[in-house]
Each structure stands twice: as C-alpha cells, then as structure tokens.
Amino acid sequence: MSTFANSEFQMMQFIPLVIVPQVFFSGIIPLDQMASWVQVIGKILPITYTGDALSQIILHGASITDLGGDILALLIFLIILTTANILGMKRYRKV
C-alpha cells in the first residue's frame, strides 16, 4: 500500500482501512459464526489463511503437508501483491 501512497500522511490513512480490519479476520473471532458477507471478506484477506495455518499447527499438531490449501492461498497472494508492487514502483523507476 505504501507504493501507491503519495505521502507519509496518506499512508497513515491507509492503516485503518487495510491493517485494522485484518486483525478481526486473523482467527481471533471465528469466521464460521459470522454473517456470510463477512465470511466472503475474510476469504479475500491473506491473514485469514495465515491464522488458520497457525491454528492448525498449534492446536492440532498439523504438519506442513497438511497445510497445502493455506500455503497455496498464501502463495497466490504473494504473486498478486508482488506483481502489484512491481507495477506500482514503475512510476519511481526510470526505465
């Protein structure tokens, strides 16, 4: 998000919009007990998959092979966000 901000102040304005809502989807509050539209929002945030993977490891003793779906989702987020960062940084590079 800082790539797309024009100033430090604008980046600070992104924090309540991007970072704070992710705390609620990190596994502190179970998503399966929330409304369906909230569950959809939770599925498009990477911290949901991170929290799920950590919960499976800590509570159930899952191995890395049991976390295939969560790891795949996180890799997809990694590719998407890295691509967005590369495209956003083009305005700073003189190529």
PDB file of N, CA and C in Angstrom:
ATOM      1  N   MET A   1       0.822  -1.200   0.000  1.00  0.00           N
ATOM      2  CA  MET A   1       0.000   0.000   0.000  1.00  0.00           C
ATOM      3  C   MET A   1       0.862   1.258   0.000  1.00  0.00           C
ATOM      4  N   SER A   2       2.030   1.172   0.611  1.00  0.00           N
ATOM      5  CA  SER A   2       2.875   2.367   0.648  1.00  0.00           C
ATOM      6  C   SER A   2       3.370   2.758  -0.740  1.00  0.00           C
ATOM      7  N   THR A   3       3.408   1.808  -1.656  1.00  0.00           N
ATOM      8  CA  THR A   3       3.828   2.112  -3.026  1.00  0.00           C
ATOM      9  C   THR A   3       2.864   3.078  -3.694  1.00  0.00           C
ATOM     10  N   PHE A   4       1.574   2.943  -3.378  1.00  0.00           N
ATOM     11  CA  PHE A   4       0.559   3.759  -4.024  1.00  0.00           C
ATOM     12  C   PHE A   4       0.253   5.052  -3.282  1.00  0.00           C
ATOM     13  N   ALA A   5       0.826   5.217  -2.097  1.00  0.00           N
ATOM     14  CA  ALA A   5       0.609   6.447  -1.332  1.00  0.00           C
ATOM     15  C   ALA A   5       1.504   7.557  -1.864  1.00  0.00           C
ATOM     16  N   ASN A   6       0.988   8.761  -1.884  1.00  0.00           N
ATOM     17  CA  ASN A   6       1.753   9.908  -2.367  1.00  0.00           C
ATOM     18  C   ASN A   6       2.571  10.569  -1.265  1.00  0.00           C
ATOM     19  N   SER A   7       2.216  10.315  -0.001  1.00  0.00           N
ATOM     20  CA  SER A   7       2.945  10.911   1.107  1.00  0.00           C
ATOM     21  C   SER A   7       2.841  10.000   2.332  1.00  0.00           C
ATOM     22  N   GLU A   8       3.607  10.333   3.356  1.00  0.00           N
ATOM     23  CA  GLU A   8       3.552   9.561   4.589  1.00  0.00           C
ATOM     24  C   GLU A   8       2.181   9.696   5.253  1.00  0.00           C
ATOM     25  N   PHE A   9       1.613  10.882   5.163  1.00  0.00           N
ATOM     26  CA  PHE A   9       0.289  11.102   5.756  1.00  0.00           C
ATOM     27  C   PHE A   9      -0.763  10.233   5.080  1.00  0.00           C
ATOM     28  N   GLN A  10      -0.684  10.112   3.766  1.00  0.00           N
ATOM     29  CA  GLN A  10      -1.648   9.279   3.055  1.00  0.00           C
ATOM     30  C   GLN A  10      -1.464   7.810   3.439  1.00  0.00           C
ATOM     31  N   MET A  11      -0.238   7.385   3.657  1.00  0.00           N
ATOM     32  CA  MET A  11      -0.002   6.015   4.102  1.00  0.00           C
ATOM     33  C   MET A  11      -0.611   5.781   5.477  1.00  0.00           C
ATOM     34  N   MET A  12      -0.512   6.753   6.345  1.00  0.00           N
ATOM     35  CA  MET A  12      -1.117   6.631   7.671  1.00  0.00           C
ATOM     36  C   MET A  12      -2.639   6.524   7.572  1.00  0.00           C
ATOM     37  N   GLN A  13      -3.223   7.111   6.551  1.00  0.00           N
ATOM     38  CA  GLN A  13      -4.664   7.000   6.352  1.00  0.00           C
ATOM     39  C   GLN A  13      -5.062   5.605   5.868  1.00  0.00           C
ATOM     40  N   PHE A  14      -4.139   4.889   5.248  1.00  0.00           N
ATOM     41  CA  PHE A  14      -4.423   3.530   4.787  1.00  0.00           C
ATOM     42  C   PHE A  14      -4.512   2.533   5.940  1.00  0.00           C
ATOM     43  N   ILE A  15      -3.835   2.813   7.040  1.00  0.00           N
ATOM     44  CA  ILE A  15      -3.751   1.853   8.142  1.00  0.00           C
ATOM     45  C   ILE A  15      -5.129   1.445   8.672  1.00  0.00           C
ATOM     46  N   PRO A  16      -6.020   2.374   9.007  1.00  0.00           N
ATOM     47  CA  PRO A  16      -7.325   1.927   9.487  1.00  0.00           C
ATOM     48  C   PRO A  16      -8.141   1.190   8.420  1.00  0.00           C
ATOM     49  N   LEU A  17      -7.885   1.491   7.165  1.00  0.00           N
ATOM     50  CA  LEU A  17      -8.653   0.857   6.096  1.00  0.00           C
ATOM     51  C   LEU A  17      -8.153  -0.533   5.737  1.00  0.00           C
ATOM     52  N   VAL A  18      -6.870  -0.785   5.924  1.00  0.00           N
ATOM     53  CA  VAL A  18      -6.291  -2.041   5.461  1.00  0.00           C
ATOM     54  C   VAL A  18      -5.827  -2.926   6.620  1.00  0.00           C
ATOM     55  N   ILE A  19      -5.081  -2.385   7.528  1.00  0.00           N
ATOM     56  CA  ILE A  19      -4.444  -3.185   8.572  1.00  0.00           C
ATOM     57  C   ILE A  19      -5.421  -3.566   9.690  1.00  0.00           C
ATOM     58  N   VAL A  20      -6.140  -2.613  10.213  1.00  0.00           N
ATOM     59  CA  VAL A  20      -7.012  -2.862  11.365  1.00  0.00           C
ATOM     60  C   VAL A  20      -8.096  -3.903  11.065  1.00  0.00           C
ATOM     61  N   PRO A  21      -8.792  -3.855   9.924  1.00  0.00           N
ATOM     62  CA  PRO A  21      -9.799  -4.903   9.670  1.00  0.00           C
ATOM     63  C   PRO A  21      -9.207  -6.311   9.597  1.00  0.00           C
ATOM     64  N   GLN A  22      -7.961  -6.431   9.187  1.00  0.00           N
ATOM     65  CA  GLN A  22      -7.367  -7.756   9.091  1.00  0.00           C
ATOM     66  C   GLN A  22      -7.181  -8.410  10.456  1.00  0.00           C
ATOM     67  N   VAL A  23      -7.065  -7.622  11.497  1.00  0.00           N
ATOM     68  CA  VAL A  23      -6.933  -8.179  12.845  1.00  0.00           C
ATOM     69  C   VAL A  23      -8.157  -9.009  13.195  1.00  0.00           C
ATOM     70  N   PHE A  24      -9.333  -8.551  12.793  1.00  0.00           N
ATOM     71  CA  PHE A  24     -10.555  -9.278  13.109  1.00  0.00           C
ATOM     72  C   PHE A  24     -10.688 -10.571  12.313  1.00  0.00           C
ATOM     73  N   PHE A  25      -9.987 -10.671  11.179  1.00  0.00           N
ATOM     74  CA  PHE A  25     -10.060 -11.872  10.358  1.00  0.00           C
ATOM     75  C   PHE A  25      -8.875 -12.802  10.578  1.00  0.00           C
ATOM     76  N   SER A  26      -8.071 -12.545  11.587  1.00  0.00           N
ATOM     77  CA  SER A  26      -6.873 -13.344  11.818  1.00  0.00           C
ATOM     78  C   SER A  26      -7.139 -14.597  12.635  1.00  0.00           C
ATOM     79  N   GLY A  27      -8.344 -14.838  13.032  1.00  0.00           N
ATOM     80  CA  GLY A  27      -8.668 -16.014  13.824  1.00  0.00           C
ATOM     81  C   GLY A  27      -9.039 -15.688  15.253  1.00  0.00           C
ATOM     82  N   ILE A  28      -8.986 -14.421  15.611  1.00  0.00           N
ATOM     83  CA  ILE A  28      -9.396 -14.036  16.964  1.00  0.00           C
ATOM     84  C   ILE A  28     -10.886 -14.332  17.158  1.00  0.00           C
ATOM     85  N   ILE A  29     -11.662 -13.993  16.157  1.00  0.00           N
ATOM     86  CA  ILE A  29     -13.095 -14.266  16.154  1.00  0.00           C
ATOM     87  C   ILE A  29     -13.352 -15.296  15.052  1.00  0.00           C
ATOM     88  N   PRO A  30     -13.969 -16.450  15.362  1.00  0.00           N
ATOM     89  CA  PRO A  30     -14.203 -17.472  14.334  1.00  0.00           C
ATOM     90  C   PRO A  30     -15.113 -16.956  13.216  1.00  0.00           C
ATOM     91  N   LEU A  31     -14.685 -17.122  11.977  1.00  0.00           N
ATOM     92  CA  LEU A  31     -15.457 -16.632  10.836  1.00  0.00           C
ATOM     93  C   LEU A  31     -16.721 -17.449  10.585  1.00  0.00           C
ATOM     94  N   ASP A  32     -16.722 -18.717  10.966  1.00  0.00           N
ATOM     95  CA  ASP A  32     -17.886 -19.551  10.675  1.00  0.00           C
ATOM     96  C   ASP A  32     -19.120 -19.148  11.479  1.00  0.00           C
ATOM     97  N   GLN A  33     -18.960 -18.297  12.469  1.00  0.00           N
ATOM     98  CA  GLN A  33     -20.089 -17.826  13.260  1.00  0.00           C
ATOM     99  C   GLN A  33     -20.565 -16.441  12.842  1.00  0.00           C
ATOM    100  N   MET A  34     -19.982 -15.899  11.779  1.00  0.00           N
ATOM    101  CA  MET A  34     -20.340 -14.561  11.312  1.00  0.00           C
ATOM    102  C   MET A  34     -21.259 -14.646  10.100  1.00  0.00           C
ATOM    103  N   ALA A  35     -21.763 -13.493   9.699  1.00  0.00           N
ATOM    104  CA  ALA A  35     -22.643 -13.424   8.529  1.00  0.00           C
ATOM    105  C   ALA A  35     -21.884 -13.865   7.276  1.00  0.00           C
ATOM    106  N   SER A  36     -22.629 -14.286   6.266  1.00  0.00           N
ATOM    107  CA  SER A  36     -21.999 -14.819   5.059  1.00  0.00           C
ATOM    108  C   SER A  36     -21.165 -13.765   4.335  1.00  0.00           C
ATOM    109  N   TRP A  37     -21.601 -12.494   4.332  1.00  0.00           N
ATOM    110  CA  TRP A  37     -20.827 -11.463   3.646  1.00  0.00           C
ATOM    111  C   TRP A  37     -19.506 -11.190   4.360  1.00  0.00           C
ATOM    112  N   VAL A  38     -19.481 -11.375   5.659  1.00  0.00           N
ATOM    113  CA  VAL A  38     -18.231 -11.207   6.410  1.00  0.00           C
ATOM    114  C   VAL A  38     -17.286 -12.367   6.108  1.00  0.00           C
ATOM    115  N   GLN A  39     -17.831 -13.558   5.945  1.00  0.00           N
ATOM    116  CA  GLN A  39     -17.014 -14.717   5.599  1.00  0.00           C
ATOM    117  C   GLN A  39     -16.364 -14.538   4.232  1.00  0.00           C
ATOM    118  N   VAL A  40     -17.096 -13.922   3.297  1.00  0.00           N
ATOM    119  CA  VAL A  40     -16.541 -13.666   1.966  1.00  0.00           C
ATOM    120  C   VAL A  40     -15.373 -12.687   2.061  1.00  0.00           C
ATOM    121  N   ILE A  41     -15.534 -11.627   2.844  1.00  0.00           N
ATOM    122  CA  ILE A  41     -14.443 -10.663   3.030  1.00  0.00           C
ATOM    123  C   ILE A  41     -13.237 -11.354   3.663  1.00  0.00           C
ATOM    124  N   GLY A  42     -13.502 -12.212   4.630  1.00  0.00           N
ATOM    125  CA  GLY A  42     -12.420 -12.931   5.287  1.00  0.00           C
ATOM    126  C   GLY A  42     -11.624 -13.810   4.335  1.00  0.00           C
ATOM    127  N   LYS A  43     -12.292 -14.381   3.347  1.00  0.00           N
ATOM    128  CA  LYS A  43     -11.605 -15.268   2.401  1.00  0.00           C
ATOM    129  C   LYS A  43     -10.710 -14.519   1.415  1.00  0.00           C
ATOM    130  N   ILE A  44     -10.880 -13.201   1.290  1.00  0.00           N
ATOM    131  CA  ILE A  44     -10.037 -12.462   0.357  1.00  0.00           C
ATOM    132  C   ILE A  44      -8.880 -11.737   1.066  1.00  0.00           C
ATOM    133  N   LEU A  45      -8.689 -12.010   2.345  1.00  0.00           N
ATOM    134  CA  LEU A  45      -7.586 -11.413   3.103  1.00  0.00           C
ATOM    135  C   LEU A  45      -6.561 -12.488   3.448  1.00  0.00           C
ATOM    136  N   PRO A  46      -5.292 -12.220   3.207  1.00  0.00           N
ATOM    137  CA  PRO A  46      -4.274 -13.252   3.446  1.00  0.00           C
ATOM    138  C   PRO A  46      -4.096 -13.636   4.903  1.00  0.00           C
ATOM    139  N   ILE A  47      -4.399 -12.752   5.816  1.00  0.00           N
ATOM    140  CA  ILE A  47      -4.173 -13.073   7.226  1.00  0.00           C
ATOM    141  C   ILE A  47      -5.124 -14.167   7.719  1.00  0.00           C
ATOM    142  N   THR A  48      -6.246 -14.355   7.030  1.00  0.00           N
ATOM    143  CA  THR A  48      -7.164 -15.447   7.367  1.00  0.00           C
ATOM    144  C   THR A  48      -6.470 -16.790   7.189  1.00  0.00           C
ATOM    145  N   TYR A  49      -5.757 -16.952   6.091  1.00  0.00           N
ATOM    146  CA  TYR A  49      -5.085 -18.213   5.805  1.00  0.00           C
ATOM    147  C   TYR A  49      -3.879 -18.414   6.711  1.00  0.00           C
ATOM    148  N   THR A  50      -3.203 -17.337   7.052  1.00  0.00           N
ATOM    149  CA  THR A  50      -2.078 -17.429   7.972  1.00  0.00           C
ATOM    150  C   THR A  50      -2.553 -17.850   9.357  1.00  0.00           C
ATOM    151  N   GLY A  51      -3.614 -17.216   9.836  1.00  0.00           N
ATOM    152  CA  GLY A  51      -4.169 -17.568  11.143  1.00  0.00           C
ATOM    153  C   GLY A  51      -4.678 -18.996  11.184  1.00  0.00           C
ATOM    154  N   ASP A  52      -5.304 -19.438  10.095  1.00  0.00           N
ATOM    155  CA  ASP A  52      -5.803 -20.811  10.024  1.00  0.00           C
ATOM    156  C   ASP A  52      -4.651 -21.812  10.071  1.00  0.00           C
ATOM    157  N   ALA A  53      -3.594 -21.533   9.319  1.00  0.00           N
ATOM    158  CA  ALA A  53      -2.436 -22.436   9.314  1.00  0.00           C
ATOM    159  C   ALA A  53      -1.786 -22.502  10.696  1.00  0.00           C
ATOM    160  N   LEU A  54      -1.619 -21.360  11.331  1.00  0.00           N
ATOM    161  CA  LEU A  54      -1.014 -21.352  12.666  1.00  0.00           C
ATOM    162  C   LEU A  54      -1.896 -22.063  13.689  1.00  0.00           C
ATOM    163  N   SER A  55      -3.197 -21.890  13.578  1.00  0.00           N
ATOM    164  CA  SER A  55      -4.120 -22.587  14.485  1.00  0.00           C
ATOM    165  C   SER A  55      -4.042 -24.095  14.299  1.00  0.00           C
ATOM    166  N   GLN A  56      -3.966 -24.538  13.049  1.00  0.00           N
ATOM    167  CA  GLN A  56      -3.857 -25.978  12.801  1.00  0.00           C
ATOM    168  C   GLN A  56      -2.568 -26.554  13.362  1.00  0.00           C
ATOM    169  N   ILE A  57      -1.485 -25.795  13.265  1.00  0.00           N
ATOM    170  CA  ILE A  57      -0.205 -26.271  13.790  1.00  0.00           C
ATOM    171  C   ILE A  57      -0.224 -26.306  15.309  1.00  0.00           C
ATOM    172  N   ILE A  58      -0.678 -25.224  15.929  1.00  0.00           N
ATOM    173  CA  ILE A  58      -0.617 -25.116  17.392  1.00  0.00           C
ATOM    174  C   ILE A  58      -1.651 -26.002  18.072  1.00  0.00           C
ATOM    175  N   LEU A  59      -2.889 -25.981  17.595  1.00  0.00           N
ATOM    176  CA  LEU A  59      -3.963 -26.703  18.282  1.00  0.00           C
ATOM    177  C   LEU A  59      -4.064 -28.173  17.895  1.00  0.00           C
ATOM    178  N   HIS A  60      -3.741 -28.491  16.646  1.00  0.00           N
ATOM    179  CA  HIS A  60      -3.957 -29.853  16.169  1.00  0.00           C
ATOM    180  C   HIS A  60      -2.668 -30.579  15.813  1.00  0.00           C
ATOM    181  N   GLY A  61      -1.538 -29.917  15.906  1.00  0.00           N
ATOM    182  CA  GLY A  61      -0.258 -30.540  15.592  1.00  0.00           C
ATOM    183  C   GLY A  61      -0.103 -30.895  14.128  1.00  0.00           C
ATOM    184  N   ALA A  62      -0.696 -30.108  13.247  1.00  0.00           N
ATOM    185  CA  ALA A  62      -0.630 -30.378  11.812  1.00  0.00           C
ATOM    186  C   ALA A  62       0.792 -30.198  11.295  1.00  0.00           C
ATOM    187  N   SER A  63       1.129 -30.995  10.293  1.00  0.00           N
ATOM    188  CA  SER A  63       2.445 -30.855   9.655  1.00  0.00           C
ATOM    189  C   SER A  63       2.321 -29.946   8.441  1.00  0.00           C
ATOM    190  N   ILE A  64       3.434 -29.655   7.829  1.00  0.00           N
ATOM    191  CA  ILE A  64       3.444 -28.748   6.672  1.00  0.00           C
ATOM    192  C   ILE A  64       2.660 -29.341   5.506  1.00  0.00           C
ATOM    193  N   THR A  65       2.623 -30.654   5.409  1.00  0.00           N
ATOM    194  CA  THR A  65       1.877 -31.278   4.309  1.00  0.00           C
ATOM    195  C   THR A  65       0.371 -31.155   4.505  1.00  0.00           C
ATOM    196  N   ASP A  66      -0.069 -30.969   5.735  1.00  0.00           N
ATOM    197  CA  ASP A  66      -1.497 -30.800   6.000  1.00  0.00           C
ATOM    198  C   ASP A  66      -1.982 -29.386   5.697  1.00  0.00           C
ATOM    199  N   LEU A  67      -1.076 -28.478   5.453  1.00  0.00           N
ATOM    200  CA  LEU A  67      -1.420 -27.077   5.253  1.00  0.00           C
ATOM    201  C   LEU A  67      -1.395 -26.672   3.781  1.00  0.00           C
ATOM    202  N   GLY A  68      -1.545 -27.611   2.886  1.00  0.00           N
ATOM    203  CA  GLY A  68      -1.436 -27.351   1.457  1.00  0.00           C
ATOM    204  C   GLY A  68      -2.347 -26.249   0.951  1.00  0.00           C
ATOM    205  N   GLY A  69      -3.615 -26.253   1.349  1.00  0.00           N
ATOM    206  CA  GLY A  69      -4.557 -25.232   0.882  1.00  0.00           C
ATOM    207  C   GLY A  69      -4.198 -23.836   1.354  1.00  0.00           C
ATOM    208  N   ASP A  70      -3.825 -23.740   2.626  1.00  0.00           N
ATOM    209  CA  ASP A  70      -3.455 -22.430   3.172  1.00  0.00           C
ATOM    210  C   ASP A  70      -2.169 -21.907   2.532  1.00  0.00           C
ATOM    211  N   ILE A  71      -1.203 -22.790   2.336  1.00  0.00           N
ATOM    212  CA  ILE A  71       0.066 -22.375   1.725  1.00  0.00           C
ATOM    213  C   ILE A  71      -0.156 -21.965   0.279  1.00  0.00           C
ATOM    214  N   LEU A  72      -0.999 -22.696  -0.440  1.00  0.00           N
ATOM    215  CA  LEU A  72      -1.303 -22.335  -1.825  1.00  0.00           C
ATOM    216  C   LEU A  72      -1.977 -20.967  -1.898  1.00  0.00           C
ATOM    217  N   ALA A  73      -2.934 -20.718  -1.009  1.00  0.00           N
ATOM    218  CA  ALA A  73      -3.602 -19.412  -0.989  1.00  0.00           C
ATOM    219  C   ALA A  73      -2.611 -18.295  -0.691  1.00  0.00           C
ATOM    220  N   LEU A  74      -1.695 -18.529   0.242  1.00  0.00           N
ATOM    221  CA  LEU A  74      -0.692 -17.506   0.572  1.00  0.00           C
ATOM    222  C   LEU A  74       0.279 -17.277  -0.578  1.00  0.00           C
ATOM    223  N   LEU A  75       0.614 -18.320  -1.326  1.00  0.00           N
ATOM    224  CA  LEU A  75       1.477 -18.149  -2.497  1.00  0.00           C
ATOM    225  C   LEU A  75       0.781 -17.340  -3.586  1.00  0.00           C
ATOM    226  N   ILE A  76      -0.516 -17.548  -3.742  1.00  0.00           N
ATOM    227  CA  ILE A  76      -1.283 -16.759  -4.720  1.00  0.00           C
ATOM    228  C   ILE A  76      -1.289 -15.286  -4.312  1.00  0.00           C
ATOM    229  N   PHE A  77      -1.507 -15.027  -3.022  1.00  0.00           N
ATOM    230  CA  PHE A  77      -1.448 -13.643  -2.535  1.00  0.00           C
ATOM    231  C   PHE A  77      -0.061 -13.052  -2.752  1.00  0.00           C
ATOM    232  N   LEU A  78       0.975 -13.835  -2.517  1.00  0.00           N
ATOM    233  CA  LEU A  78       2.344 -13.368  -2.711  1.00  0.00           C
ATOM    234  C   LEU A  78       2.575 -12.941  -4.155  1.00  0.00           C
ATOM    235  N   ILE A  79       2.118 -13.739  -5.089  1.00  0.00           N
ATOM    236  CA  ILE A  79       2.300 -13.418  -6.511  1.00  0.00           C
ATOM    237  C   ILE A  79       1.509 -12.164  -6.888  1.00  0.00           C
ATOM    238  N   ILE A  80       0.272 -12.080  -6.440  1.00  0.00           N
ATOM    239  CA  ILE A  80      -0.569 -10.928  -6.775  1.00  0.00           C
ATOM    240  C   ILE A  80      -0.005  -9.643  -6.192  1.00  0.00           C
ATOM    241  N   LEU A  81       0.364  -9.672  -4.914  1.00  0.00           N
ATOM    242  CA  LEU A  81       0.854  -8.458  -4.259  1.00  0.00           C
ATOM    243  C   LEU A  81       2.238  -8.052  -4.759  1.00  0.00           C
ATOM    244  N   THR A  82       3.082  -9.024  -5.097  1.00  0.00           N
ATOM    245  CA  THR A  82       4.392  -8.693  -5.662  1.00  0.00           C
ATOM    246  C   THR A  82       4.229  -8.053  -7.036  1.00  0.00           C
ATOM    247  N   THR A  83       3.325  -8.594  -7.843  1.00  0.00           N
ATOM    248  CA  THR A  83       3.058  -8.012  -9.160  1.00  0.00           C
ATOM    249  C   THR A  83       2.510  -6.598  -9.031  1.00  0.00           C
ATOM    250  N   ALA A  84       1.591  -6.388  -8.088  1.00  0.00           N
ATOM    251  CA  ALA A  84       1.047  -5.043  -7.872  1.00  0.00           C
ATOM    252  C   ALA A  84       2.138  -4.076  -7.424  1.00  0.00           C
ATOM    253  N   ASN A  85       3.058  -4.552  -6.603  1.00  0.00           N
ATOM    254  CA  ASN A  85       4.160  -3.708  -6.149  1.00  0.00           C
ATOM    255  C   ASN A  85       5.093  -3.350  -7.307  1.00  0.00           C
ATOM    256  N   ILE A  86       5.389  -4.315  -8.158  1.00  0.00           N
ATOM    257  CA  ILE A  86       6.252  -4.047  -9.304  1.00  0.00           C
ATOM    258  C   ILE A  86       5.603  -3.021 -10.225  1.00  0.00           C
ATOM    259  N   LEU A  87       4.324  -3.182 -10.477  1.00  0.00           N
ATOM    260  CA  LEU A  87       3.621  -2.228 -11.343  1.00  0.00           C
ATOM    261  C   LEU A  87       3.533  -0.849 -10.694  1.00  0.00           C
ATOM    262  N   GLY A  88       3.358  -0.811  -9.382  1.00  0.00           N
ATOM    263  CA  GLY A  88       3.287   0.462  -8.678  1.00  0.00           C
ATOM    264  C   GLY A  88       4.621   1.167  -8.606  1.00  0.00           C
ATOM    265  N   MET A  89       5.697   0.403  -8.564  1.00  0.00           N
ATOM    266  CA  MET A  89       7.032   1.002  -8.475  1.00  0.00           C
ATOM    267  C   MET A  89       7.525   1.532  -9.812  1.00  0.00           C
ATOM    268  N   LYS A  90       6.853   1.215 -10.896  1.00  0.00           N
ATOM    269  CA  LYS A  90       7.289   1.704 -12.201  1.00  0.00           C
ATOM    270  C   LYS A  90       7.292   3.229 -12.284  1.00  0.00           C
ATOM    271  N   ARG A  91       6.451   3.872 -11.491  1.00  0.00           N
ATOM    272  CA  ARG A  91       6.427   5.336 -11.551  1.00  0.00           C
ATOM    273  C   ARG A  91       7.658   5.952 -10.892  1.00  0.00           C
ATOM    274  N   TYR A  92       8.391   5.171 -10.094  1.00  0.00           N
ATOM    275  CA  TYR A  92       9.595   5.669  -9.446  1.00  0.00           C
ATOM    276  C   TYR A  92      10.865   5.309 -10.221  1.00  0.00           C
ATOM    277  N   ARG A  93      10.767   4.332 -11.097  1.00  0.00           N
ATOM    278  CA  ARG A  93      11.933   3.902 -11.870  1.00  0.00           C
ATOM    279  C   ARG A  93      11.997   4.631 -13.199  1.00  0.00           C
ATOM    280  N   LYS A  94      13.191   4.859 -13.661  1.00  0.00           N
ATOM    281  CA  LYS A  94      13.382   5.481 -14.977  1.00  0.00           C
ATOM    282  C   LYS A  94      13.900   4.409 -15.921  1.00  0.00           C
ATOM    283  N   VAL A  95      12.952   3.684 -16.506  1.00  0.00           N
ATOM    284  CA  VAL A  95      13.317   2.581 -17.399  1.00  0.00           C
ATOM    285  C   VAL A  95      12.947   2.935 -18.816  1.00  0.00           C
TER     286      VAL A  95
END
